[in-house]
Amino acid sequence: MTILAEHLSYVYNEGSPFAAKALDDVSLTIEEGEFFGIIGHTGSGKSTFVKHLNGLIRLPSSQKHYRRPKAKKGRPAPVEPVLKVGEYDLSDRNADFYGLRRRVGMVFQYPEAQLFAETVFDDVAFGLKNFEKKKNDADLEEAVKAAIEVVGLDYAAVKDASPFDLSGGQKRRAAIAGVIVTHPEILVLDEPAAGLDPLGKREIMDLLHRLHGDWCKTVIIVSHDMDEIAENCTRVAVFSEGKLVCALPPKELFLKAEELKALGLDIPLTAKLRLALKERGIDLDCDFTVDSFVRAVLAKRGEGQ
């Protein structure tokens, strides 16, 4: 499912003294099959944007009592925002938001905090039972078992255990299993590796790549970790002050080091090393993954530089 957003704006507490514009005329397309990254400083609008994708935040036009604003004298009519996720038109009040949420899975930051059931099985099964109320017990167990195992947990060992007795990494995997058990076509994760050590981060990103394609056609991650973005994403959107600054492949994006720093963002370690080498007259052509950077360095060494 392709995601198409045009002229998307959102104001928290609109009409009150505490009103704050979170999105300002954002237009962005995310193609089916991408491993897409979203970056931006705190308050840039990135989390507000992804909450629109499964209707957690709804467009004004989808609200029951919405009335289209009239053009003021001497001014053009206000531009109506567009948000489509596959065949779902989220600007339509009659859109099937229930069906949308089955196909767009959302994993929030520190998802292990959302575990609640008495057993891991019940926690993972909860969403599937909600979306497929007529699913028989055998099919339910098969789906839950597959979800638990694909995230790297031993089904027999954890299915009857309390989710609160799991280790931190196991809890996060169980929470992800509870989202992917419905086989969403789009999986959105807000800071999926937050709070994990380097090994834990690598394991979670490896898991997301296993899920990408087989379980979920499109993966979208919101992250502040530029090394994580460079290593994993095919394209990256940059948000700042509620606006979309650009959407580029990492190879193009991280060449804009000064622009990113001006937005309060960091750059990957490979980009920093490339800049340091460039100051010494060595210009590397790489995509800012570690493997690409090392190959570029070895190639230059082979040239005698």
C-alpha atoms as a PDB file:
ATOM      1  CA  MET A   1       0.000   0.000   0.000  1.00  0.00           C
ATOM      2  CA  THR A   2       1.378   3.377  -1.020  1.00  0.00           C
ATOM      3  CA  ILE A   3       1.035   6.272   1.435  1.00  0.00           C
ATOM      4  CA  LEU A   4       0.133   9.619  -0.094  1.00  0.00           C
ATOM      5  CA  ALA A   5      -0.053  12.778   2.034  1.00  0.00           C
ATOM      6  CA  GLU A   6      -0.720  16.194   0.525  1.00  0.00           C
ATOM      7  CA  HIS A   7      -0.977  19.502   2.395  1.00  0.00           C
ATOM      8  CA  LEU A   8      -1.263  17.728   5.736  1.00  0.00           C
ATOM      9  CA  SER A   9      -1.456  20.091   8.730  1.00  0.00           C
ATOM     10  CA  TYR A  10      -2.319  19.535  12.371  1.00  0.00           C
ATOM     11  CA  VAL A  11      -2.703  21.802  15.395  1.00  0.00           C
ATOM     12  CA  TYR A  12      -2.809  20.490  18.948  1.00  0.00           C
ATOM     13  CA  ASN A  13      -5.345  22.256  21.197  1.00  0.00           C
ATOM     14  CA  GLU A  14      -6.608  24.280  18.262  1.00  0.00           C
ATOM     15  CA  GLY A  15      -8.600  27.342  19.274  1.00  0.00           C
ATOM     16  CA  SER A  16      -7.104  27.452  22.768  1.00  0.00           C
ATOM     17  CA  PRO A  17      -4.299  29.596  24.239  1.00  0.00           C
ATOM     18  CA  PHE A  18      -2.151  26.444  24.168  1.00  0.00           C
ATOM     19  CA  ALA A  19      -2.515  25.821  20.434  1.00  0.00           C
ATOM     20  CA  ALA A  20       0.637  24.403  18.830  1.00  0.00           C
ATOM     21  CA  LYS A  21       1.091  23.640  15.157  1.00  0.00           C
ATOM     22  CA  ALA A  22       2.612  20.172  14.854  1.00  0.00           C
ATOM     23  CA  LEU A  23       2.353  19.701  11.081  1.00  0.00           C
ATOM     24  CA  ASP A  24       2.468  22.483   8.509  1.00  0.00           C
ATOM     25  CA  ASP A  25       1.483  21.680   4.906  1.00  0.00           C
ATOM     26  CA  VAL A  26       3.308  18.347   4.690  1.00  0.00           C
ATOM     27  CA  SER A  27       3.262  16.505   1.356  1.00  0.00           C
ATOM     28  CA  LEU A  28       5.019  13.138   1.251  1.00  0.00           C
ATOM     29  CA  THR A  29       4.709   9.840  -0.617  1.00  0.00           C
ATOM     30  CA  ILE A  30       5.998   6.550   0.821  1.00  0.00           C
ATOM     31  CA  GLU A  31       6.027   3.776  -1.730  1.00  0.00           C
ATOM     32  CA  GLU A  32       5.061   0.202  -0.986  1.00  0.00           C
ATOM     33  CA  GLY A  33       8.101  -1.899  -0.152  1.00  0.00           C
ATOM     34  CA  GLU A  34      10.279   0.844   1.299  1.00  0.00           C
ATOM     35  CA  PHE A  35      12.246   0.624   4.536  1.00  0.00           C
ATOM     36  CA  PHE A  36      11.595   4.258   5.295  1.00  0.00           C
ATOM     37  CA  GLY A  37      13.139   6.476   7.964  1.00  0.00           C
ATOM     38  CA  ILE A  38      11.753   9.628   9.570  1.00  0.00           C
ATOM     39  CA  ILE A  39      14.043  11.962  11.504  1.00  0.00           C
ATOM     40  CA  GLY A  40      13.755  15.339  13.194  1.00  0.00           C
ATOM     41  CA  HIS A  41      14.432  17.056  16.478  1.00  0.00           C
ATOM     42  CA  THR A  42      11.978  16.816  19.374  1.00  0.00           C
ATOM     43  CA  GLY A  43       8.760  18.593  18.453  1.00  0.00           C
ATOM     44  CA  SER A  44       9.476  18.477  14.713  1.00  0.00           C
ATOM     45  CA  GLY A  45       6.203  16.722  13.903  1.00  0.00           C
ATOM     46  CA  LYS A  46       7.525  13.275  13.003  1.00  0.00           C
ATOM     47  CA  SER A  47       5.498  11.357  15.608  1.00  0.00           C
ATOM     48  CA  THR A  48       2.375  13.387  14.849  1.00  0.00           C
ATOM     49  CA  PHE A  49       2.755  12.476  11.186  1.00  0.00           C
ATOM     50  CA  VAL A  50       2.950   8.710  11.758  1.00  0.00           C
ATOM     51  CA  LYS A  51      -0.044   8.796  14.124  1.00  0.00           C
ATOM     52  CA  HIS A  52      -2.105   9.923  11.146  1.00  0.00           C
ATOM     53  CA  LEU A  53      -1.229   6.800   9.176  1.00  0.00           C
ATOM     54  CA  ASN A  54      -3.633   4.482  10.977  1.00  0.00           C
ATOM     55  CA  GLY A  55      -6.128   7.085  12.084  1.00  0.00           C
ATOM     56  CA  LEU A  56      -4.931   7.615  15.651  1.00  0.00           C
ATOM     57  CA  ILE A  57      -5.074  11.270  14.661  1.00  0.00           C
ATOM     58  CA  ARG A  58      -7.819  11.913  12.131  1.00  0.00           C
ATOM     59  CA  LEU A  59      -8.164  14.594   9.503  1.00  0.00           C
ATOM     60  CA  PRO A  60     -10.830  17.224  10.243  1.00  0.00           C
ATOM     61  CA  SER A  61     -12.782  16.178   7.140  1.00  0.00           C
ATOM     62  CA  SER A  62     -13.207  12.661   8.572  1.00  0.00           C
ATOM     63  CA  GLN A  63     -14.920  13.996  11.674  1.00  0.00           C
ATOM     64  CA  LYS A  64     -18.698  13.635  11.965  1.00  0.00           C
ATOM     65  CA  HIS A  65     -19.536  17.343  12.292  1.00  0.00           C
ATOM     66  CA  TYR A  66     -16.915  18.674   9.901  1.00  0.00           C
ATOM     67  CA  ARG A  67     -17.841  21.598   7.697  1.00  0.00           C
ATOM     68  CA  ARG A  68     -15.557  22.653   4.908  1.00  0.00           C
ATOM     69  CA  PRO A  69     -14.173  26.159   5.592  1.00  0.00           C
ATOM     70  CA  LYS A  70     -15.363  28.833   3.190  1.00  0.00           C
ATOM     71  CA  ALA A  71     -13.011  31.061   1.277  1.00  0.00           C
ATOM     72  CA  LYS A  72     -12.651  34.532   2.765  1.00  0.00           C
ATOM     73  CA  LYS A  73     -13.253  37.486   0.530  1.00  0.00           C
ATOM     74  CA  GLY A  74     -10.269  38.214  -1.679  1.00  0.00           C
ATOM     75  CA  ARG A  75      -8.482  35.005  -0.672  1.00  0.00           C
ATOM     76  CA  PRO A  76      -8.272  31.574  -2.329  1.00  0.00           C
ATOM     77  CA  ALA A  77     -10.235  28.695  -0.812  1.00  0.00           C
ATOM     78  CA  PRO A  78      -8.293  26.783   1.877  1.00  0.00           C
ATOM     79  CA  VAL A  79      -6.447  23.743   0.525  1.00  0.00           C
ATOM     80  CA  GLU A  80      -8.037  20.515   1.713  1.00  0.00           C
ATOM     81  CA  PRO A  81      -5.484  17.962   2.990  1.00  0.00           C
ATOM     82  CA  VAL A  82      -5.278  14.539   1.346  1.00  0.00           C
ATOM     83  CA  LEU A  83      -4.179  11.358   3.112  1.00  0.00           C
ATOM     84  CA  LYS A  84      -4.472   7.995   1.400  1.00  0.00           C
ATOM     85  CA  VAL A  85      -3.064   4.683   2.575  1.00  0.00           C
ATOM     86  CA  GLY A  86      -3.567   2.186  -0.203  1.00  0.00           C
ATOM     87  CA  GLU A  87      -7.256   2.123  -0.987  1.00  0.00           C
ATOM     88  CA  TYR A  88      -8.158   3.901   2.267  1.00  0.00           C
ATOM     89  CA  ASP A  89      -9.012   7.593   1.929  1.00  0.00           C
ATOM     90  CA  LEU A  90      -8.475   8.946   5.433  1.00  0.00           C
ATOM     91  CA  SER A  91     -10.106  12.261   4.599  1.00  0.00           C
ATOM     92  CA  ASP A  92     -13.446  10.442   4.184  1.00  0.00           C
ATOM     93  CA  ARG A  93     -15.605  10.182   7.290  1.00  0.00           C
ATOM     94  CA  ASN A  94     -16.871   6.842   5.947  1.00  0.00           C
ATOM     95  CA  ALA A  95     -13.374   5.361   5.646  1.00  0.00           C
ATOM     96  CA  ASP A  96     -12.955   1.901   7.168  1.00  0.00           C
ATOM     97  CA  PHE A  97     -10.610   2.860  10.003  1.00  0.00           C
ATOM     98  CA  TYR A  98     -11.128  -0.544  11.628  1.00  0.00           C
ATOM     99  CA  GLY A  99      -9.855  -2.298   8.515  1.00  0.00           C
ATOM    100  CA  LEU A 100      -7.040   0.241   8.156  1.00  0.00           C
ATOM    101  CA  ARG A 101      -5.697  -0.476  11.638  1.00  0.00           C
ATOM    102  CA  ARG A 102      -5.477  -4.166  10.888  1.00  0.00           C
ATOM    103  CA  ARG A 103      -3.245  -3.406   7.894  1.00  0.00           C
ATOM    104  CA  VAL A 104      -1.156  -0.621   9.447  1.00  0.00           C
ATOM    105  CA  GLY A 105       0.572  -1.833  12.617  1.00  0.00           C
ATOM    106  CA  MET A 106       1.890   0.739  15.080  1.00  0.00           C
ATOM    107  CA  VAL A 107       4.655   0.044  17.608  1.00  0.00           C
ATOM    108  CA  PHE A 108       5.201   2.925  20.002  1.00  0.00           C
ATOM    109  CA  GLN A 109       8.388   3.848  21.829  1.00  0.00           C
ATOM    110  CA  TYR A 110       9.137   1.380  24.645  1.00  0.00           C
ATOM    111  CA  PRO A 111       6.285  -0.947  23.546  1.00  0.00           C
ATOM    112  CA  GLU A 112       7.029  -3.328  26.418  1.00  0.00           C
ATOM    113  CA  ALA A 113       5.266  -0.820  28.680  1.00  0.00           C
ATOM    114  CA  GLN A 114       2.022  -1.721  26.897  1.00  0.00           C
ATOM    115  CA  LEU A 115       2.116  -5.404  27.894  1.00  0.00           C
ATOM    116  CA  PHE A 116      -0.846  -6.180  30.124  1.00  0.00           C
ATOM    117  CA  ALA A 117      -2.136  -9.767  29.895  1.00  0.00           C
ATOM    118  CA  GLU A 118      -1.513 -12.656  32.273  1.00  0.00           C
ATOM    119  CA  THR A 119       0.419 -14.688  29.693  1.00  0.00           C
ATOM    120  CA  VAL A 120       2.518 -13.918  26.625  1.00  0.00           C
ATOM    121  CA  PHE A 121       0.069 -15.930  24.518  1.00  0.00           C
ATOM    122  CA  ASP A 122      -2.896 -13.821  25.638  1.00  0.00           C
ATOM    123  CA  ASP A 123      -0.988 -10.594  25.067  1.00  0.00           C
ATOM    124  CA  VAL A 124       0.045 -11.504  21.520  1.00  0.00           C
ATOM    125  CA  ALA A 125      -3.401 -12.917  20.728  1.00  0.00           C
ATOM    126  CA  PHE A 126      -5.318  -9.852  21.932  1.00  0.00           C
ATOM    127  CA  GLY A 127      -5.144  -7.810  18.726  1.00  0.00           C
ATOM    128  CA  LEU A 128      -5.856 -10.782  16.480  1.00  0.00           C
ATOM    129  CA  LYS A 129      -8.933 -11.711  18.527  1.00  0.00           C
ATOM    130  CA  ASN A 130     -10.147  -8.141  18.188  1.00  0.00           C
ATOM    131  CA  PHE A 131      -9.739  -8.047  14.409  1.00  0.00           C
ATOM    132  CA  GLU A 132     -10.796 -11.625  13.667  1.00  0.00           C
ATOM    133  CA  LYS A 133     -13.488 -12.464  16.196  1.00  0.00           C
ATOM    134  CA  LYS A 134     -14.581 -15.633  14.354  1.00  0.00           C
ATOM    135  CA  LYS A 135     -11.109 -17.174  14.161  1.00  0.00           C
ATOM    136  CA  ASN A 136     -11.157 -20.692  15.613  1.00  0.00           C
ATOM    137  CA  ASP A 137      -8.829 -21.712  18.432  1.00  0.00           C
ATOM    138  CA  ALA A 138      -6.520 -23.829  16.273  1.00  0.00           C
ATOM    139  CA  ASP A 139      -5.962 -21.066  13.711  1.00  0.00           C
ATOM    140  CA  LEU A 140      -5.520 -18.526  16.498  1.00  0.00           C
ATOM    141  CA  GLU A 141      -2.853 -20.639  18.174  1.00  0.00           C
ATOM    142  CA  GLU A 142      -1.055 -21.202  14.868  1.00  0.00           C
ATOM    143  CA  ALA A 143      -0.964 -17.459  14.135  1.00  0.00           C
ATOM    144  CA  VAL A 144       0.223 -16.550  17.638  1.00  0.00           C
ATOM    145  CA  LYS A 145       2.895 -19.271  17.577  1.00  0.00           C
ATOM    146  CA  ALA A 146       4.193 -18.010  14.227  1.00  0.00           C
ATOM    147  CA  ALA A 147       4.347 -14.399  15.463  1.00  0.00           C
ATOM    148  CA  ILE A 148       6.153 -15.337  18.671  1.00  0.00           C
ATOM    149  CA  GLU A 149       8.688 -17.461  16.827  1.00  0.00           C
ATOM    150  CA  VAL A 150       9.373 -14.939  14.057  1.00  0.00           C
ATOM    151  CA  VAL A 151      10.442 -12.348  16.661  1.00  0.00           C
ATOM    152  CA  GLY A 152      12.969 -14.859  18.018  1.00  0.00           C
ATOM    153  CA  LEU A 153      11.213 -16.183  21.108  1.00  0.00           C
ATOM    154  CA  ASP A 154      10.762 -19.858  22.061  1.00  0.00           C
ATOM    155  CA  TYR A 155       7.009 -20.431  21.858  1.00  0.00           C
ATOM    156  CA  ALA A 156       6.917 -23.389  24.252  1.00  0.00           C
ATOM    157  CA  ALA A 157       9.059 -21.554  26.800  1.00  0.00           C
ATOM    158  CA  VAL A 158       7.180 -18.234  26.866  1.00  0.00           C
ATOM    159  CA  LYS A 159       3.567 -18.841  25.824  1.00  0.00           C
ATOM    160  CA  ASP A 160       2.323 -19.522  29.360  1.00  0.00           C
ATOM    161  CA  ALA A 161       4.764 -17.192  31.095  1.00  0.00           C
ATOM    162  CA  SER A 162       3.829 -13.773  32.425  1.00  0.00           C
ATOM    163  CA  PRO A 163       5.115 -11.090  30.040  1.00  0.00           C
ATOM    164  CA  PHE A 164       6.341  -9.220  33.121  1.00  0.00           C
ATOM    165  CA  ASP A 165       8.747 -12.081  33.917  1.00  0.00           C
ATOM    166  CA  LEU A 166      10.564 -11.738  30.598  1.00  0.00           C
ATOM    167  CA  SER A 167      13.841  -9.915  30.148  1.00  0.00           C
ATOM    168  CA  GLY A 168      13.766  -6.400  28.712  1.00  0.00           C
ATOM    169  CA  GLY A 169      14.671  -7.555  25.212  1.00  0.00           C
ATOM    170  CA  GLN A 170      12.145 -10.394  25.347  1.00  0.00           C
ATOM    171  CA  LYS A 171       9.410  -7.993  26.440  1.00  0.00           C
ATOM    172  CA  ARG A 172      10.071  -5.776  23.431  1.00  0.00           C
ATOM    173  CA  ARG A 173       9.950  -8.758  21.094  1.00  0.00           C
ATOM    174  CA  ALA A 174       6.693  -9.961  22.649  1.00  0.00           C
ATOM    175  CA  ALA A 175       5.186  -6.489  22.233  1.00  0.00           C
ATOM    176  CA  ILE A 176       6.211  -6.432  18.555  1.00  0.00           C
ATOM    177  CA  ALA A 177       4.738  -9.916  18.096  1.00  0.00           C
ATOM    178  CA  GLY A 178       1.410  -8.581  19.362  1.00  0.00           C
ATOM    179  CA  VAL A 179       1.399  -6.018  16.534  1.00  0.00           C
ATOM    180  CA  ILE A 180       2.650  -8.166  13.663  1.00  0.00           C
ATOM    181  CA  VAL A 181       0.395 -11.152  14.462  1.00  0.00           C
ATOM    182  CA  THR A 182      -2.217  -9.653  12.098  1.00  0.00           C
ATOM    183  CA  HIS A 183       0.354  -9.500   9.257  1.00  0.00           C
ATOM    184  CA  PRO A 184       0.033  -5.734   8.712  1.00  0.00           C
ATOM    185  CA  GLU A 185       1.123  -4.538   5.285  1.00  0.00           C
ATOM    186  CA  ILE A 186       2.706  -1.452   6.828  1.00  0.00           C
ATOM    187  CA  LEU A 187       4.629  -1.562  10.114  1.00  0.00           C
ATOM    188  CA  VAL A 188       5.382   1.762  11.811  1.00  0.00           C
ATOM    189  CA  LEU A 189       7.807   1.881  14.746  1.00  0.00           C
ATOM    190  CA  ASP A 190       8.672   4.902  16.888  1.00  0.00           C
ATOM    191  CA  GLU A 191      12.281   4.603  18.110  1.00  0.00           C
ATOM    192  CA  PRO A 192      12.315   0.773  17.891  1.00  0.00           C
ATOM    193  CA  ALA A 193      15.790   0.432  19.413  1.00  0.00           C
ATOM    194  CA  ALA A 194      15.447   3.081  22.146  1.00  0.00           C
ATOM    195  CA  GLY A 195      17.092   2.147  25.437  1.00  0.00           C
ATOM    196  CA  LEU A 196      18.840  -0.952  24.089  1.00  0.00           C
ATOM    197  CA  ASP A 197      22.561  -1.694  24.200  1.00  0.00           C
ATOM    198  CA  PRO A 198      24.467  -1.991  20.869  1.00  0.00           C
ATOM    199  CA  LEU A 199      23.836  -5.739  20.609  1.00  0.00           C
ATOM    200  CA  GLY A 200      20.145  -5.291  21.400  1.00  0.00           C
ATOM    201  CA  LYS A 201      19.859  -2.562  18.768  1.00  0.00           C
ATOM    202  CA  ARG A 202      21.461  -4.758  16.135  1.00  0.00           C
ATOM    203  CA  GLU A 203      19.158  -7.658  17.001  1.00  0.00           C
ATOM    204  CA  ILE A 204      16.029  -5.496  16.771  1.00  0.00           C
ATOM    205  CA  MET A 205      17.063  -4.053  13.409  1.00  0.00           C
ATOM    206  CA  ASP A 206      17.890  -7.543  12.121  1.00  0.00           C
ATOM    207  CA  LEU A 207      14.402  -8.587  13.225  1.00  0.00           C
ATOM    208  CA  LEU A 208      12.801  -5.701  11.344  1.00  0.00           C
ATOM    209  CA  HIS A 209      14.633  -6.691   8.181  1.00  0.00           C
ATOM    210  CA  ARG A 210      13.366 -10.265   8.576  1.00  0.00           C
ATOM    211  CA  LEU A 211       9.838  -8.939   8.931  1.00  0.00           C
ATOM    212  CA  HIS A 212      10.243  -6.576   5.978  1.00  0.00           C
ATOM    213  CA  GLY A 213       8.894  -8.269   2.892  1.00  0.00           C
ATOM    214  CA  ASP A 214       7.784 -11.578   4.403  1.00  0.00           C
ATOM    215  CA  TRP A 215       5.448 -10.208   7.072  1.00  0.00           C
ATOM    216  CA  CYS A 216       5.170  -6.503   6.332  1.00  0.00           C
ATOM    217  CA  LYS A 217       5.656  -5.049   2.863  1.00  0.00           C
ATOM    218  CA  THR A 218       6.637  -1.612   4.166  1.00  0.00           C
ATOM    219  CA  VAL A 219       8.534  -0.697   7.333  1.00  0.00           C
ATOM    220  CA  ILE A 220       8.676   2.880   8.644  1.00  0.00           C
ATOM    221  CA  ILE A 221      10.914   3.806  11.570  1.00  0.00           C
ATOM    222  CA  VAL A 222      11.053   7.073  13.470  1.00  0.00           C
ATOM    223  CA  SER A 223      14.529   7.486  14.942  1.00  0.00           C
ATOM    224  CA  HIS A 224      17.037   9.999  16.268  1.00  0.00           C
ATOM    225  CA  ASP A 225      19.912   7.545  15.716  1.00  0.00           C
ATOM    226  CA  MET A 226      21.557   8.583  12.449  1.00  0.00           C
ATOM    227  CA  ASP A 227      23.785   5.493  12.310  1.00  0.00           C
ATOM    228  CA  GLU A 228      20.649   3.358  12.549  1.00  0.00           C
ATOM    229  CA  ILE A 229      19.034   5.354   9.749  1.00  0.00           C
ATOM    230  CA  ALA A 230      22.108   5.166   7.487  1.00  0.00           C
ATOM    231  CA  GLU A 231      22.515   1.428   7.965  1.00  0.00           C
ATOM    232  CA  ASN A 232      18.914   0.416   7.397  1.00  0.00           C
ATOM    233  CA  CYS A 233      16.758   2.850   5.439  1.00  0.00           C
ATOM    234  CA  THR A 234      16.224   3.123   1.702  1.00  0.00           C
ATOM    235  CA  ARG A 235      14.926   6.702   2.015  1.00  0.00           C
ATOM    236  CA  VAL A 236      14.629   9.260   4.812  1.00  0.00           C
ATOM    237  CA  ALA A 237      12.220  12.137   5.482  1.00  0.00           C
ATOM    238  CA  VAL A 238      13.486  15.083   7.525  1.00  0.00           C
ATOM    239  CA  PHE A 239      10.980  17.049   9.605  1.00  0.00           C
ATOM    240  CA  SER A 240      11.588  20.428  11.244  1.00  0.00           C
ATOM    241  CA  GLU A 241       9.120  22.794  12.922  1.00  0.00           C
ATOM    242  CA  GLY A 242       6.221  20.770  11.534  1.00  0.00           C
ATOM    243  CA  LYS A 243       7.447  21.008   7.939  1.00  0.00           C
ATOM    244  CA  LEU A 244       8.908  18.381   5.631  1.00  0.00           C
ATOM    245  CA  VAL A 245      12.405  19.572   4.745  1.00  0.00           C
ATOM    246  CA  CYS A 246      13.279  16.804   2.295  1.00  0.00           C
ATOM    247  CA  ALA A 247      12.951  13.076   1.584  1.00  0.00           C
ATOM    248  CA  LEU A 248      16.117  11.513   0.190  1.00  0.00           C
ATOM    249  CA  PRO A 249      18.143   8.273   0.149  1.00  0.00           C
ATOM    250  CA  PRO A 250      20.758   8.274   2.960  1.00  0.00           C
ATOM    251  CA  LYS A 251      23.556   8.539   0.382  1.00  0.00           C
ATOM    252  CA  GLU A 252      22.213  11.928  -0.709  1.00  0.00           C
ATOM    253  CA  LEU A 253      20.889  13.104   2.642  1.00  0.00           C
ATOM    254  CA  PHE A 254      24.070  12.754   4.673  1.00  0.00           C
ATOM    255  CA  LEU A 255      26.068  14.767   2.172  1.00  0.00           C
ATOM    256  CA  LYS A 256      24.067  17.705   3.544  1.00  0.00           C
ATOM    257  CA  ALA A 257      25.907  17.680   6.872  1.00  0.00           C
ATOM    258  CA  GLU A 258      25.807  21.438   7.474  1.00  0.00           C
ATOM    259  CA  GLU A 259      22.093  21.688   6.649  1.00  0.00           C
ATOM    260  CA  LEU A 260      21.307  18.855   9.059  1.00  0.00           C
ATOM    261  CA  LYS A 261      23.406  20.383  11.821  1.00  0.00           C
ATOM    262  CA  ALA A 262      21.555  23.687  11.320  1.00  0.00           C
ATOM    263  CA  LEU A 263      18.322  21.778  11.999  1.00  0.00           C
ATOM    264  CA  GLY A 264      19.736  20.458  15.271  1.00  0.00           C
ATOM    265  CA  LEU A 265      20.387  16.974  13.875  1.00  0.00           C
ATOM    266  CA  ASP A 266      23.463  14.791  14.045  1.00  0.00           C
ATOM    267  CA  ILE A 267      25.033  12.817  11.194  1.00  0.00           C
ATOM    268  CA  PRO A 268      26.268   9.200  11.148  1.00  0.00           C
ATOM    269  CA  LEU A 269      29.785   8.371  12.305  1.00  0.00           C
ATOM    270  CA  THR A 270      30.652   7.390   8.729  1.00  0.00           C
ATOM    271  CA  ALA A 271      29.621  10.866   7.539  1.00  0.00           C
ATOM    272  CA  LYS A 272      31.818  12.479  10.199  1.00  0.00           C
ATOM    273  CA  LEU A 273      34.776  10.334   9.184  1.00  0.00           C
ATOM    274  CA  ARG A 274      34.180  11.130   5.521  1.00  0.00           C
ATOM    275  CA  LEU A 275      34.277  14.863   6.293  1.00  0.00           C
ATOM    276  CA  ALA A 276      37.497  14.464   8.283  1.00  0.00           C
ATOM    277  CA  LEU A 277      39.124  12.593   5.412  1.00  0.00           C
ATOM    278  CA  LYS A 278      37.871  15.136   2.889  1.00  0.00           C
ATOM    279  CA  GLU A 279      39.638  17.874   4.851  1.00  0.00           C
ATOM    280  CA  ARG A 280      42.836  15.881   4.253  1.00  0.00           C
ATOM    281  CA  GLY A 281      42.213  15.652   0.526  1.00  0.00           C
ATOM    282  CA  ILE A 282      40.656  12.172   0.482  1.00  0.00           C
ATOM    283  CA  ASP A 283      37.132  12.168  -0.998  1.00  0.00           C
ATOM    284  CA  LEU A 284      35.182   8.935  -0.509  1.00  0.00           C
ATOM    285  CA  ASP A 285      32.135   7.798  -2.461  1.00  0.00           C
ATOM    286  CA  CYS A 286      29.985   5.701  -0.112  1.00  0.00           C
ATOM    287  CA  ASP A 287      26.357   5.301   0.949  1.00  0.00           C
ATOM    288  CA  PHE A 288      27.269   5.877   4.631  1.00  0.00           C
ATOM    289  CA  THR A 289      26.748   2.292   5.747  1.00  0.00           C
ATOM    290  CA  VAL A 290      29.784   0.902   7.571  1.00  0.00           C
ATOM    291  CA  ASP A 291      30.400  -1.762   4.900  1.00  0.00           C
ATOM    292  CA  SER A 292      30.288   0.803   2.090  1.00  0.00           C
ATOM    293  CA  PHE A 293      32.566   3.167   3.990  1.00  0.00           C
ATOM    294  CA  VAL A 294      35.160   0.452   4.668  1.00  0.00           C
ATOM    295  CA  ARG A 295      35.109  -0.655   1.016  1.00  0.00           C
ATOM    296  CA  ALA A 296      35.613   2.960  -0.100  1.00  0.00           C
ATOM    297  CA  VAL A 297      38.561   3.398   2.294  1.00  0.00           C
ATOM    298  CA  LEU A 298      40.190   0.165   1.111  1.00  0.00           C
ATOM    299  CA  ALA A 299      39.699   1.216  -2.514  1.00  0.00           C
ATOM    300  CA  LYS A 300      41.466   4.528  -1.832  1.00  0.00           C
ATOM    301  CA  ARG A 301      44.249   2.695  -0.050  1.00  0.00           C
ATOM    302  CA  GLY A 302      44.633   0.470  -3.086  1.00  0.00           C
ATOM    303  CA  GLU A 303      45.011   3.623  -5.178  1.00  0.00           C
ATOM    304  CA  GLY A 304      47.863   4.688  -2.916  1.00  0.00           C
ATOM    305  CA  GLN A 305      46.074   7.600  -1.192  1.00  0.00           C
END
